[in-house]
All heavy atoms as atom14 arrays in JSON, in Angstrom:
{
  "sequence": "ATELEFADGDTVVTVRVRDVSGNVGAVEQIILHIGAALPPTATPTR",
  "atom14_mask": [
    [1, 1, 1, 1, 1, 0, 0, 0, 0, 0, 0, 0, 0, 0],
    [1, 1, 1, 1, 1, 1, 1, 0, 0, 0, 0, 0, 0, 0],
    [1, 1, 1, 1, 1, 1, 1, 1, 1, 0, 0, 0, 0, 0],
    [1, 1, 1, 1, 1, 1, 1, 1, 0, 0, 0, 0, 0, 0],
    [1, 1, 1, 1, 1, 1, 1, 1, 1, 0, 0, 0, 0, 0],
    [1, 1, 1, 1, 1, 1, 1, 1, 1, 1, 1, 0, 0, 0],
    [1, 1, 1, 1, 1, 0, 0, 0, 0, 0, 0, 0, 0, 0],
    [1, 1, 1, 1, 1, 1, 1, 1, 0, 0, 0, 0, 0, 0],
    [1, 1, 1, 1, 0, 0, 0, 0, 0, 0, 0, 0, 0, 0],
    [1, 1, 1, 1, 1, 1, 1, 1, 0, 0, 0, 0, 0, 0],
    [1, 1, 1, 1, 1, 1, 1, 0, 0, 0, 0, 0, 0, 0],
    [1, 1, 1, 1, 1, 1, 1, 0, 0, 0, 0, 0, 0, 0],
    [1, 1, 1, 1, 1, 1, 1, 0, 0, 0, 0, 0, 0, 0],
    [1, 1, 1, 1, 1, 1, 1, 0, 0, 0, 0, 0, 0, 0],
    [1, 1, 1, 1, 1, 1, 1, 0, 0, 0, 0, 0, 0, 0],
    [1, 1, 1, 1, 1, 1, 1, 1, 1, 1, 1, 0, 0, 0],
    [1, 1, 1, 1, 1, 1, 1, 0, 0, 0, 0, 0, 0, 0],
    [1, 1, 1, 1, 1, 1, 1, 1, 1, 1, 1, 0, 0, 0],
    [1, 1, 1, 1, 1, 1, 1, 1, 0, 0, 0, 0, 0, 0],
    [1, 1, 1, 1, 1, 1, 1, 0, 0, 0, 0, 0, 0, 0],
    [1, 1, 1, 1, 1, 1, 0, 0, 0, 0, 0, 0, 0, 0],
    [1, 1, 1, 1, 0, 0, 0, 0, 0, 0, 0, 0, 0, 0],
    [1, 1, 1, 1, 1, 1, 1, 1, 0, 0, 0, 0, 0, 0],
    [1, 1, 1, 1, 1, 1, 1, 0, 0, 0, 0, 0, 0, 0],
    [1, 1, 1, 1, 0, 0, 0, 0, 0, 0, 0, 0, 0, 0],
    [1, 1, 1, 1, 1, 0, 0, 0, 0, 0, 0, 0, 0, 0],
    [1, 1, 1, 1, 1, 1, 1, 0, 0, 0, 0, 0, 0, 0],
    [1, 1, 1, 1, 1, 1, 1, 1, 1, 0, 0, 0, 0, 0],
    [1, 1, 1, 1, 1, 1, 1, 1, 1, 0, 0, 0, 0, 0],
    [1, 1, 1, 1, 1, 1, 1, 1, 0, 0, 0, 0, 0, 0],
    [1, 1, 1, 1, 1, 1, 1, 1, 0, 0, 0, 0, 0, 0],
    [1, 1, 1, 1, 1, 1, 1, 1, 0, 0, 0, 0, 0, 0],
    [1, 1, 1, 1, 1, 1, 1, 1, 1, 1, 0, 0, 0, 0],
    [1, 1, 1, 1, 1, 1, 1, 1, 0, 0, 0, 0, 0, 0],
    [1, 1, 1, 1, 0, 0, 0, 0, 0, 0, 0, 0, 0, 0],
    [1, 1, 1, 1, 1, 0, 0, 0, 0, 0, 0, 0, 0, 0],
    [1, 1, 1, 1, 1, 0, 0, 0, 0, 0, 0, 0, 0, 0],
    [1, 1, 1, 1, 1, 1, 1, 1, 0, 0, 0, 0, 0, 0],
    [1, 1, 1, 1, 1, 1, 1, 0, 0, 0, 0, 0, 0, 0],
    [1, 1, 1, 1, 1, 1, 1, 0, 0, 0, 0, 0, 0, 0],
    [1, 1, 1, 1, 1, 1, 1, 0, 0, 0, 0, 0, 0, 0],
    [1, 1, 1, 1, 1, 0, 0, 0, 0, 0, 0, 0, 0, 0],
    [1, 1, 1, 1, 1, 1, 1, 0, 0, 0, 0, 0, 0, 0],
    [1, 1, 1, 1, 1, 1, 1, 0, 0, 0, 0, 0, 0, 0],
    [1, 1, 1, 1, 1, 1, 1, 0, 0, 0, 0, 0, 0, 0],
    [1, 1, 1, 1, 1, 1, 1, 1, 1, 1, 1, 0, 0, 0]
  ],
  "atom14_positions": [
    [[0.85, -1.19, 0.0], [0.0, 0.0, 0.0], [0.89, 1.24, 0.0], [2.11, 1.15, -0.18], [-0.93, -0.02, 1.2], [0.0, 0.0, 0.0], [0.0, 0.0, 0.0], [0.0, 0.0, 0.0], [0.0, 0.0, 0.0], [0.0, 0.0, 0.0], [0.0, 0.0, 0.0], [0.0, 0.0, 0.0], [0.0, 0.0, 0.0], [0.0, 0.0, 0.0]],
    [[0.3, 2.42, 0.25], [1.01, 3.69, 0.11], [2.27, 3.76, 0.95], [3.31, 4.23, 0.5], [0.08, 4.86, 0.47], [-1.07, 4.8, -0.38], [0.79, 6.19, 0.29], [0.0, 0.0, 0.0], [0.0, 0.0, 0.0], [0.0, 0.0, 0.0], [0.0, 0.0, 0.0], [0.0, 0.0, 0.0], [0.0, 0.0, 0.0], [0.0, 0.0, 0.0]],
    [[2.21, 3.27, 2.2], [3.38, 3.41, 3.07], [4.56, 2.58, 2.59], [5.71, 2.86, 2.96], [3.03, 3.04, 4.51], [2.71, 1.58, 4.73], [2.47, 1.24, 6.19], [2.27, 2.19, 6.98], [2.49, 0.05, 6.53], [0.0, 0.0, 0.0], [0.0, 0.0, 0.0], [0.0, 0.0, 0.0], [0.0, 0.0, 0.0], [0.0, 0.0, 0.0]],
    [[4.31, 1.56, 1.76], [5.38, 0.75, 1.21], [5.47, 0.87, -0.31], [5.98, -0.03, -0.98], [5.17, -0.73, 1.58], [5.35, -1.1, 3.05], [5.08, -2.59, 3.25], [6.74, -0.74, 3.56], [0.0, 0.0, 0.0], [0.0, 0.0, 0.0], [0.0, 0.0, 0.0], [0.0, 0.0, 0.0], [0.0, 0.0, 0.0], [0.0, 0.0, 0.0]],
    [[5.0, 1.96, -0.86], [4.96, 2.12, -2.32], [6.35, 1.98, -2.93], [7.32, 2.6, -2.47], [4.38, 3.48, -2.68], [4.26, 3.72, -4.18], [3.55, 5.02, -4.51], [3.23, 5.77, -3.57], [3.32, 5.28, -5.71], [0.0, 0.0, 0.0], [0.0, 0.0, 0.0], [0.0, 0.0, 0.0], [0.0, 0.0, 0.0], [0.0, 0.0, 0.0]],
    [[6.44, 1.17, -3.98], [7.71, 0.98, -4.68], [7.93, 2.13, -5.66], [7.0, 2.6, -6.31], [7.72, -0.36, -5.42], [8.08, -1.53, -4.55], [7.21, -2.0, -3.58], [9.31, -2.15, -4.69], [7.53, -3.07, -2.77], [9.66, -3.23, -3.88], [8.77, -3.69, -2.92], [0.0, 0.0, 0.0], [0.0, 0.0, 0.0], [0.0, 0.0, 0.0]],
    [[9.18, 2.57, -5.77], [9.53, 3.68, -6.63], [9.47, 3.26, -8.1], [9.62, 2.07, -8.43], [10.92, 4.2, -6.29], [0.0, 0.0, 0.0], [0.0, 0.0, 0.0], [0.0, 0.0, 0.0], [0.0, 0.0, 0.0], [0.0, 0.0, 0.0], [0.0, 0.0, 0.0], [0.0, 0.0, 0.0], [0.0, 0.0, 0.0], [0.0, 0.0, 0.0]],
    [[9.27, 4.24, -8.98], [9.32, 3.97, -10.42], [10.69, 3.42, -10.8], [11.72, 3.8, -10.22], [9.05, 5.25, -11.22], [7.6, 5.69, -11.14], [6.76, 4.9, -10.66], [7.31, 6.83, -11.55], [0.0, 0.0, 0.0], [0.0, 0.0, 0.0], [0.0, 0.0, 0.0], [0.0, 0.0, 0.0], [0.0, 0.0, 0.0], [0.0, 0.0, 0.0]],
    [[10.7, 2.55, -11.79], [11.95, 1.94, -12.22], [12.11, 0.55, -11.62], [11.13, -0.12, -11.28], [0.0, 0.0, 0.0], [0.0, 0.0, 0.0], [0.0, 0.0, 0.0], [0.0, 0.0, 0.0], [0.0, 0.0, 0.0], [0.0, 0.0, 0.0], [0.0, 0.0, 0.0], [0.0, 0.0, 0.0], [0.0, 0.0, 0.0], [0.0, 0.0, 0.0]],
    [[13.34, 0.12, -11.45], [13.65, -1.23, -11.01], [14.08, -1.26, -9.55], [15.0, -0.54, -9.16], [14.77, -1.84, -11.86], [14.34, -2.06, -13.3], [13.14, -2.23, -13.55], [15.23, -2.04, -14.16], [0.0, 0.0, 0.0], [0.0, 0.0, 0.0], [0.0, 0.0, 0.0], [0.0, 0.0, 0.0], [0.0, 0.0, 0.0], [0.0, 0.0, 0.0]],
    [[13.44, -2.1, -8.77], [13.87, -2.37, -7.39], [14.22, -3.84, -7.29], [13.41, -4.71, -7.61], [12.76, -2.05, -6.37], [12.49, -0.64, -6.39], [13.19, -2.44, -4.97], [0.0, 0.0, 0.0], [0.0, 0.0, 0.0], [0.0, 0.0, 0.0], [0.0, 0.0, 0.0], [0.0, 0.0, 0.0], [0.0, 0.0, 0.0], [0.0, 0.0, 0.0]],
    [[15.46, -4.12, -6.89], [15.89, -5.5, -6.68], [15.55, -5.9, -5.25], [15.92, -5.22, -4.29], [17.41, -5.64, -6.92], [17.85, -7.09, -6.69], [17.78, -5.19, -8.32], [0.0, 0.0, 0.0], [0.0, 0.0, 0.0], [0.0, 0.0, 0.0], [0.0, 0.0, 0.0], [0.0, 0.0, 0.0], [0.0, 0.0, 0.0], [0.0, 0.0, 0.0]],
    [[14.8, -7.0, -5.12], [14.41, -7.52, -3.81], [15.27, -8.76, -3.54], [15.24, -9.73, -4.3], [12.91, -7.89, -3.78], [12.53, -8.41, -2.4], [12.05, -6.69, -4.17], [0.0, 0.0, 0.0], [0.0, 0.0, 0.0], [0.0, 0.0, 0.0], [0.0, 0.0, 0.0], [0.0, 0.0, 0.0], [0.0, 0.0, 0.0], [0.0, 0.0, 0.0]],
    [[16.03, -8.72, -2.46], [16.92, -9.82, -2.08], [16.35, -10.5, -0.84], [16.06, -9.84, 0.15], [18.34, -9.29, -1.79], [18.81, -8.56, -2.93], [19.3, -10.43, -1.49], [0.0, 0.0, 0.0], [0.0, 0.0, 0.0], [0.0, 0.0, 0.0], [0.0, 0.0, 0.0], [0.0, 0.0, 0.0], [0.0, 0.0, 0.0], [0.0, 0.0, 0.0]],
    [[16.2, -11.82, -0.9], [15.45, -12.55, 0.13], [16.22, -13.77, 0.63], [16.88, -14.47, -0.15], [14.08, -13.05, -0.42], [13.24, -13.66, 0.69], [13.34, -11.93, -1.11], [0.0, 0.0, 0.0], [0.0, 0.0, 0.0], [0.0, 0.0, 0.0], [0.0, 0.0, 0.0], [0.0, 0.0, 0.0], [0.0, 0.0, 0.0], [0.0, 0.0, 0.0]],
    [[16.11, -14.01, 1.91], [16.52, -15.28, 2.5], [15.66, -15.5, 3.75], [15.04, -14.57, 4.28], [18.01, -15.31, 2.84], [18.4, -14.41, 4.0], [19.9, -14.47, 4.26], [20.24, -13.81, 5.52], [21.48, -13.68, 5.99], [22.5, -14.19, 5.3], [21.71, -13.09, 7.15], [0.0, 0.0, 0.0], [0.0, 0.0, 0.0], [0.0, 0.0, 0.0]],
    [[15.61, -16.75, 4.23], [14.79, -17.08, 5.39], [15.62, -17.92, 6.36], [16.46, -18.73, 5.95], [13.52, -17.86, 4.96], [12.7, -18.27, 6.17], [12.67, -17.0, 4.03], [0.0, 0.0, 0.0], [0.0, 0.0, 0.0], [0.0, 0.0, 0.0], [0.0, 0.0, 0.0], [0.0, 0.0, 0.0], [0.0, 0.0, 0.0], [0.0, 0.0, 0.0]],
    [[15.39, -17.73, 7.65], [16.11, -18.44, 8.7], [15.21, -19.51, 9.32], [13.99, -19.34, 9.39], [16.55, -17.44, 9.77], [17.49, -17.99, 10.83], [18.01, -16.87, 11.72], [16.93, -16.16, 12.4], [17.11, -15.07, 13.14], [18.33, -14.56, 13.28], [16.08, -14.51, 13.74], [0.0, 0.0, 0.0], [0.0, 0.0, 0.0], [0.0, 0.0, 0.0]],
    [[15.81, -20.62, 9.78], [15.0, -21.65, 10.44], [15.03, -21.48, 11.95], [15.69, -20.57, 12.49], [15.45, -23.06, 10.02], [16.87, -23.39, 10.46], [17.35, -22.82, 11.45], [17.5, -24.26, 9.81], [0.0, 0.0, 0.0], [0.0, 0.0, 0.0], [0.0, 0.0, 0.0], [0.0, 0.0, 0.0], [0.0, 0.0, 0.0], [0.0, 0.0, 0.0]],
    [[14.3, -22.33, 12.66], [14.2, -22.19, 14.11], [15.51, -22.51, 14.82], [15.66, -22.2, 16.0], [13.07, -23.1, 14.65], [11.72, -22.64, 14.14], [13.33, -24.57, 14.29], [0.0, 0.0, 0.0], [0.0, 0.0, 0.0], [0.0, 0.0, 0.0], [0.0, 0.0, 0.0], [0.0, 0.0, 0.0], [0.0, 0.0, 0.0], [0.0, 0.0, 0.0]],
    [[16.47, -23.11, 14.1], [17.79, -23.39, 14.67], [18.78, -22.27, 14.43], [19.94, -22.36, 14.85], [18.34, -24.71, 14.11], [17.48, -25.79, 14.44], [0.0, 0.0, 0.0], [0.0, 0.0, 0.0], [0.0, 0.0, 0.0], [0.0, 0.0, 0.0], [0.0, 0.0, 0.0], [0.0, 0.0, 0.0], [0.0, 0.0, 0.0], [0.0, 0.0, 0.0]],
    [[18.35, -21.24, 13.71], [19.22, -20.1, 13.45], [20.01, -20.16, 12.16], [20.84, -19.29, 11.89], [0.0, 0.0, 0.0], [0.0, 0.0, 0.0], [0.0, 0.0, 0.0], [0.0, 0.0, 0.0], [0.0, 0.0, 0.0], [0.0, 0.0, 0.0], [0.0, 0.0, 0.0], [0.0, 0.0, 0.0], [0.0, 0.0, 0.0], [0.0, 0.0, 0.0]],
    [[19.78, -21.18, 11.33], [20.47, -21.29, 10.04], [19.68, -20.56, 8.96], [18.47, -20.73, 8.86], [20.62, -22.76, 9.64], [21.43, -23.55, 10.65], [22.59, -23.26, 10.88], [20.8, -24.54, 11.26], [0.0, 0.0, 0.0], [0.0, 0.0, 0.0], [0.0, 0.0, 0.0], [0.0, 0.0, 0.0], [0.0, 0.0, 0.0], [0.0, 0.0, 0.0]],
    [[20.38, -19.78, 8.14], [19.71, -19.1, 7.03], [19.93, -19.88, 5.74], [20.95, -20.55, 5.57], [20.22, -17.65, 6.86], [19.82, -16.8, 8.04], [21.72, -17.62, 6.65], [0.0, 0.0, 0.0], [0.0, 0.0, 0.0], [0.0, 0.0, 0.0], [0.0, 0.0, 0.0], [0.0, 0.0, 0.0], [0.0, 0.0, 0.0], [0.0, 0.0, 0.0]],
    [[18.96, -19.83, 4.86], [19.03, -20.53, 3.59], [19.7, -19.69, 2.52], [20.16, -18.56, 2.76], [0.0, 0.0, 0.0], [0.0, 0.0, 0.0], [0.0, 0.0, 0.0], [0.0, 0.0, 0.0], [0.0, 0.0, 0.0], [0.0, 0.0, 0.0], [0.0, 0.0, 0.0], [0.0, 0.0, 0.0], [0.0, 0.0, 0.0], [0.0, 0.0, 0.0]],
    [[19.74, -20.24, 1.32], [20.35, -19.54, 0.19], [19.52, -18.31, -0.19], [18.33, -18.23, 0.07], [20.47, -20.49, -1.0], [0.0, 0.0, 0.0], [0.0, 0.0, 0.0], [0.0, 0.0, 0.0], [0.0, 0.0, 0.0], [0.0, 0.0, 0.0], [0.0, 0.0, 0.0], [0.0, 0.0, 0.0], [0.0, 0.0, 0.0], [0.0, 0.0, 0.0]],
    [[20.19, -17.37, -0.82], [19.58, -16.1, -1.21], [18.94, -16.21, -2.6], [19.47, -16.87, -3.48], [20.65, -14.99, -1.23], [20.11, -13.71, -1.86], [21.14, -14.71, 0.17], [0.0, 0.0, 0.0], [0.0, 0.0, 0.0], [0.0, 0.0, 0.0], [0.0, 0.0, 0.0], [0.0, 0.0, 0.0], [0.0, 0.0, 0.0], [0.0, 0.0, 0.0]],
    [[17.78, -15.58, -2.77], [17.18, -15.43, -4.08], [16.81, -13.96, -4.29], [16.64, -13.21, -3.33], [15.93, -16.31, -4.24], [16.25, -17.78, -4.38], [15.08, -18.58, -4.91], [14.15, -17.96, -5.49], [15.09, -19.81, -4.74], [0.0, 0.0, 0.0], [0.0, 0.0, 0.0], [0.0, 0.0, 0.0], [0.0, 0.0, 0.0], [0.0, 0.0, 0.0]],
    [[16.67, -13.58, -5.56], [16.33, -12.2, -5.9], [15.26, -12.16, -6.99], [15.18, -13.05, -7.83], [17.56, -11.43, -6.39], [18.61, -11.22, -5.31], [19.82, -10.46, -5.83], [20.35, -10.77, -6.89], [20.27, -9.49, -5.08], [0.0, 0.0, 0.0], [0.0, 0.0, 0.0], [0.0, 0.0, 0.0], [0.0, 0.0, 0.0], [0.0, 0.0, 0.0]],
    [[14.45, -11.11, -6.95], [13.56, -10.76, -8.05], [13.72, -9.28, -8.3], [14.26, -8.54, -7.47], [12.08, -11.09, -7.75], [11.57, -10.28, -6.56], [11.88, -12.57, -7.53], [10.06, -10.39, -6.34], [0.0, 0.0, 0.0], [0.0, 0.0, 0.0], [0.0, 0.0, 0.0], [0.0, 0.0, 0.0], [0.0, 0.0, 0.0], [0.0, 0.0, 0.0]],
    [[13.27, -8.83, -9.48], [13.26, -7.41, -9.81], [11.81, -6.97, -9.98], [11.05, -7.63, -10.71], [14.05, -7.12, -11.1], [15.52, -7.51, -10.92], [13.93, -5.65, -11.49], [16.33, -7.42, -12.21], [0.0, 0.0, 0.0], [0.0, 0.0, 0.0], [0.0, 0.0, 0.0], [0.0, 0.0, 0.0], [0.0, 0.0, 0.0], [0.0, 0.0, 0.0]],
    [[11.42, -5.89, -9.32], [10.11, -5.28, -9.53], [10.3, -4.04, -10.38], [10.97, -3.09, -9.97], [9.46, -4.92, -8.2], [8.94, -6.07, -7.35], [8.26, -5.55, -6.1], [7.97, -6.93, -8.13], [0.0, 0.0, 0.0], [0.0, 0.0, 0.0], [0.0, 0.0, 0.0], [0.0, 0.0, 0.0], [0.0, 0.0, 0.0], [0.0, 0.0, 0.0]],
    [[9.72, -4.07, -11.58], [9.81, -2.93, -12.5], [8.49, -2.18, -12.44], [7.44, -2.7, -12.83], [10.09, -3.41, -13.92], [10.14, -2.29, -14.93], [11.22, -1.43, -15.01], [9.25, -1.87, -15.87], [10.99, -0.55, -15.97], [9.8, -0.79, -16.49], [0.0, 0.0, 0.0], [0.0, 0.0, 0.0], [0.0, 0.0, 0.0], [0.0, 0.0, 0.0]],
    [[8.53, -0.94, -11.95], [7.34, -0.11, -11.82], [7.33, 0.93, -12.93], [8.29, 1.69, -13.09], [7.27, 0.59, -10.45], [7.43, -0.44, -9.32], [5.98, 1.37, -10.31], [6.38, -1.52, -9.31], [0.0, 0.0, 0.0], [0.0, 0.0, 0.0], [0.0, 0.0, 0.0], [0.0, 0.0, 0.0], [0.0, 0.0, 0.0], [0.0, 0.0, 0.0]],
    [[6.26, 0.95, -13.72], [6.15, 1.91, -14.82], [5.81, 1.21, -16.11], [5.31, 0.09, -16.13], [0.0, 0.0, 0.0], [0.0, 0.0, 0.0], [0.0, 0.0, 0.0], [0.0, 0.0, 0.0], [0.0, 0.0, 0.0], [0.0, 0.0, 0.0], [0.0, 0.0, 0.0], [0.0, 0.0, 0.0], [0.0, 0.0, 0.0], [0.0, 0.0, 0.0]],
    [[6.07, 1.92, -17.23], [5.77, 1.37, -18.55], [6.49, 0.05, -18.74], [7.55, -0.2, -18.18], [6.19, 2.36, -19.64], [0.0, 0.0, 0.0], [0.0, 0.0, 0.0], [0.0, 0.0, 0.0], [0.0, 0.0, 0.0], [0.0, 0.0, 0.0], [0.0, 0.0, 0.0], [0.0, 0.0, 0.0], [0.0, 0.0, 0.0], [0.0, 0.0, 0.0]],
    [[5.89, -0.81, -19.55], [6.41, -2.17, -19.75], [7.58, -2.17, -20.7], [7.57, -2.81, -21.74], [5.31, -3.08, -20.26], [0.0, 0.0, 0.0], [0.0, 0.0, 0.0], [0.0, 0.0, 0.0], [0.0, 0.0, 0.0], [0.0, 0.0, 0.0], [0.0, 0.0, 0.0], [0.0, 0.0, 0.0], [0.0, 0.0, 0.0], [0.0, 0.0, 0.0]],
    [[8.64, -1.44, -20.35], [9.87, -1.45, -21.14], [10.77, -2.56, -20.62], [10.68, -2.93, -19.44], [10.6, -0.11, -21.02], [9.82, 1.11, -21.53], [10.58, 2.38, -21.21], [9.58, 0.99, -23.02], [0.0, 0.0, 0.0], [0.0, 0.0, 0.0], [0.0, 0.0, 0.0], [0.0, 0.0, 0.0], [0.0, 0.0, 0.0], [0.0, 0.0, 0.0]],
    [[11.66, -3.1, -21.45], [12.53, -4.19, -20.98], [13.43, -3.69, -19.86], [14.29, -2.85, -20.09], [13.34, -4.57, -22.23], [12.54, -4.04, -23.38], [11.84, -2.82, -22.87], [0.0, 0.0, 0.0], [0.0, 0.0, 0.0], [0.0, 0.0, 0.0], [0.0, 0.0, 0.0], [0.0, 0.0, 0.0], [0.0, 0.0, 0.0], [0.0, 0.0, 0.0]],
    [[13.26, -4.16, -18.62], [14.14, -3.73, -17.53], [15.55, -4.22, -17.76], [15.77, -5.29, -18.32], [13.53, -4.39, -16.29], [12.15, -4.82, -16.71], [12.23, -5.08, -18.17], [0.0, 0.0, 0.0], [0.0, 0.0, 0.0], [0.0, 0.0, 0.0], [0.0, 0.0, 0.0], [0.0, 0.0, 0.0], [0.0, 0.0, 0.0], [0.0, 0.0, 0.0]],
    [[16.53, -3.44, -17.34], [17.92, -3.83, -17.56], [18.73, -3.86, -16.28], [19.93, -4.0, -16.31], [18.61, -2.87, -18.54], [18.51, -1.54, -18.04], [17.94, -2.93, -19.9], [0.0, 0.0, 0.0], [0.0, 0.0, 0.0], [0.0, 0.0, 0.0], [0.0, 0.0, 0.0], [0.0, 0.0, 0.0], [0.0, 0.0, 0.0], [0.0, 0.0, 0.0]],
    [[18.08, -3.71, -15.14], [18.82, -3.75, -13.88], [19.41, -5.14, -13.68], [18.75, -6.14, -13.87], [17.9, -3.42, -12.71], [0.0, 0.0, 0.0], [0.0, 0.0, 0.0], [0.0, 0.0, 0.0], [0.0, 0.0, 0.0], [0.0, 0.0, 0.0], [0.0, 0.0, 0.0], [0.0, 0.0, 0.0], [0.0, 0.0, 0.0], [0.0, 0.0, 0.0]],
    [[20.69, -5.17, -13.32], [21.35, -6.44, -13.05], [21.36, -6.65, -11.54], [21.91, -5.83, -10.82], [22.79, -6.44, -13.58], [22.75, -6.2, -14.98], [23.47, -7.78, -13.3], [0.0, 0.0, 0.0], [0.0, 0.0, 0.0], [0.0, 0.0, 0.0], [0.0, 0.0, 0.0], [0.0, 0.0, 0.0], [0.0, 0.0, 0.0], [0.0, 0.0, 0.0]],
    [[20.75, -7.72, -11.04], [20.72, -7.92, -9.59], [22.12, -8.03, -9.0], [23.02, -8.6, -9.61], [19.94, -9.21, -9.42], [20.0, -9.88, -10.74], [20.11, -8.8, -11.77], [0.0, 0.0, 0.0], [0.0, 0.0, 0.0], [0.0, 0.0, 0.0], [0.0, 0.0, 0.0], [0.0, 0.0, 0.0], [0.0, 0.0, 0.0], [0.0, 0.0, 0.0]],
    [[22.32, -7.45, -7.83], [23.59, -7.48, -7.14], [23.54, -8.5, -6.03], [22.78, -8.35, -5.08], [23.92, -6.09, -6.56], [23.89, -5.14, -7.61], [25.29, -6.09, -5.89], [0.0, 0.0, 0.0], [0.0, 0.0, 0.0], [0.0, 0.0, 0.0], [0.0, 0.0, 0.0], [0.0, 0.0, 0.0], [0.0, 0.0, 0.0], [0.0, 0.0, 0.0]],
    [[24.32, -9.53, -6.15], [24.31, -10.58, -5.15], [24.99, -10.1, -3.87], [25.99, -9.4, -3.92], [25.02, -11.83, -5.67], [24.35, -12.42, -6.9], [23.01, -13.04, -6.55], [22.31, -13.45, -7.75], [21.19, -14.13, -7.76], [20.61, -14.46, -6.62], [20.61, -14.48, -8.89], [0.0, 0.0, 0.0], [0.0, 0.0, 0.0], [0.0, 0.0, 0.0]]
  ]
}
């Protein structure tokens, strides 16, 4: 919603999850492209 509105252009979202033992899993990323449907060119940064 408004308080978490994503900015125009490309936002790279980097995600991982931890288990109840404190171990974190591998990282994954997606890109959210806000605006006209032009081919996004942002390269995710690991």
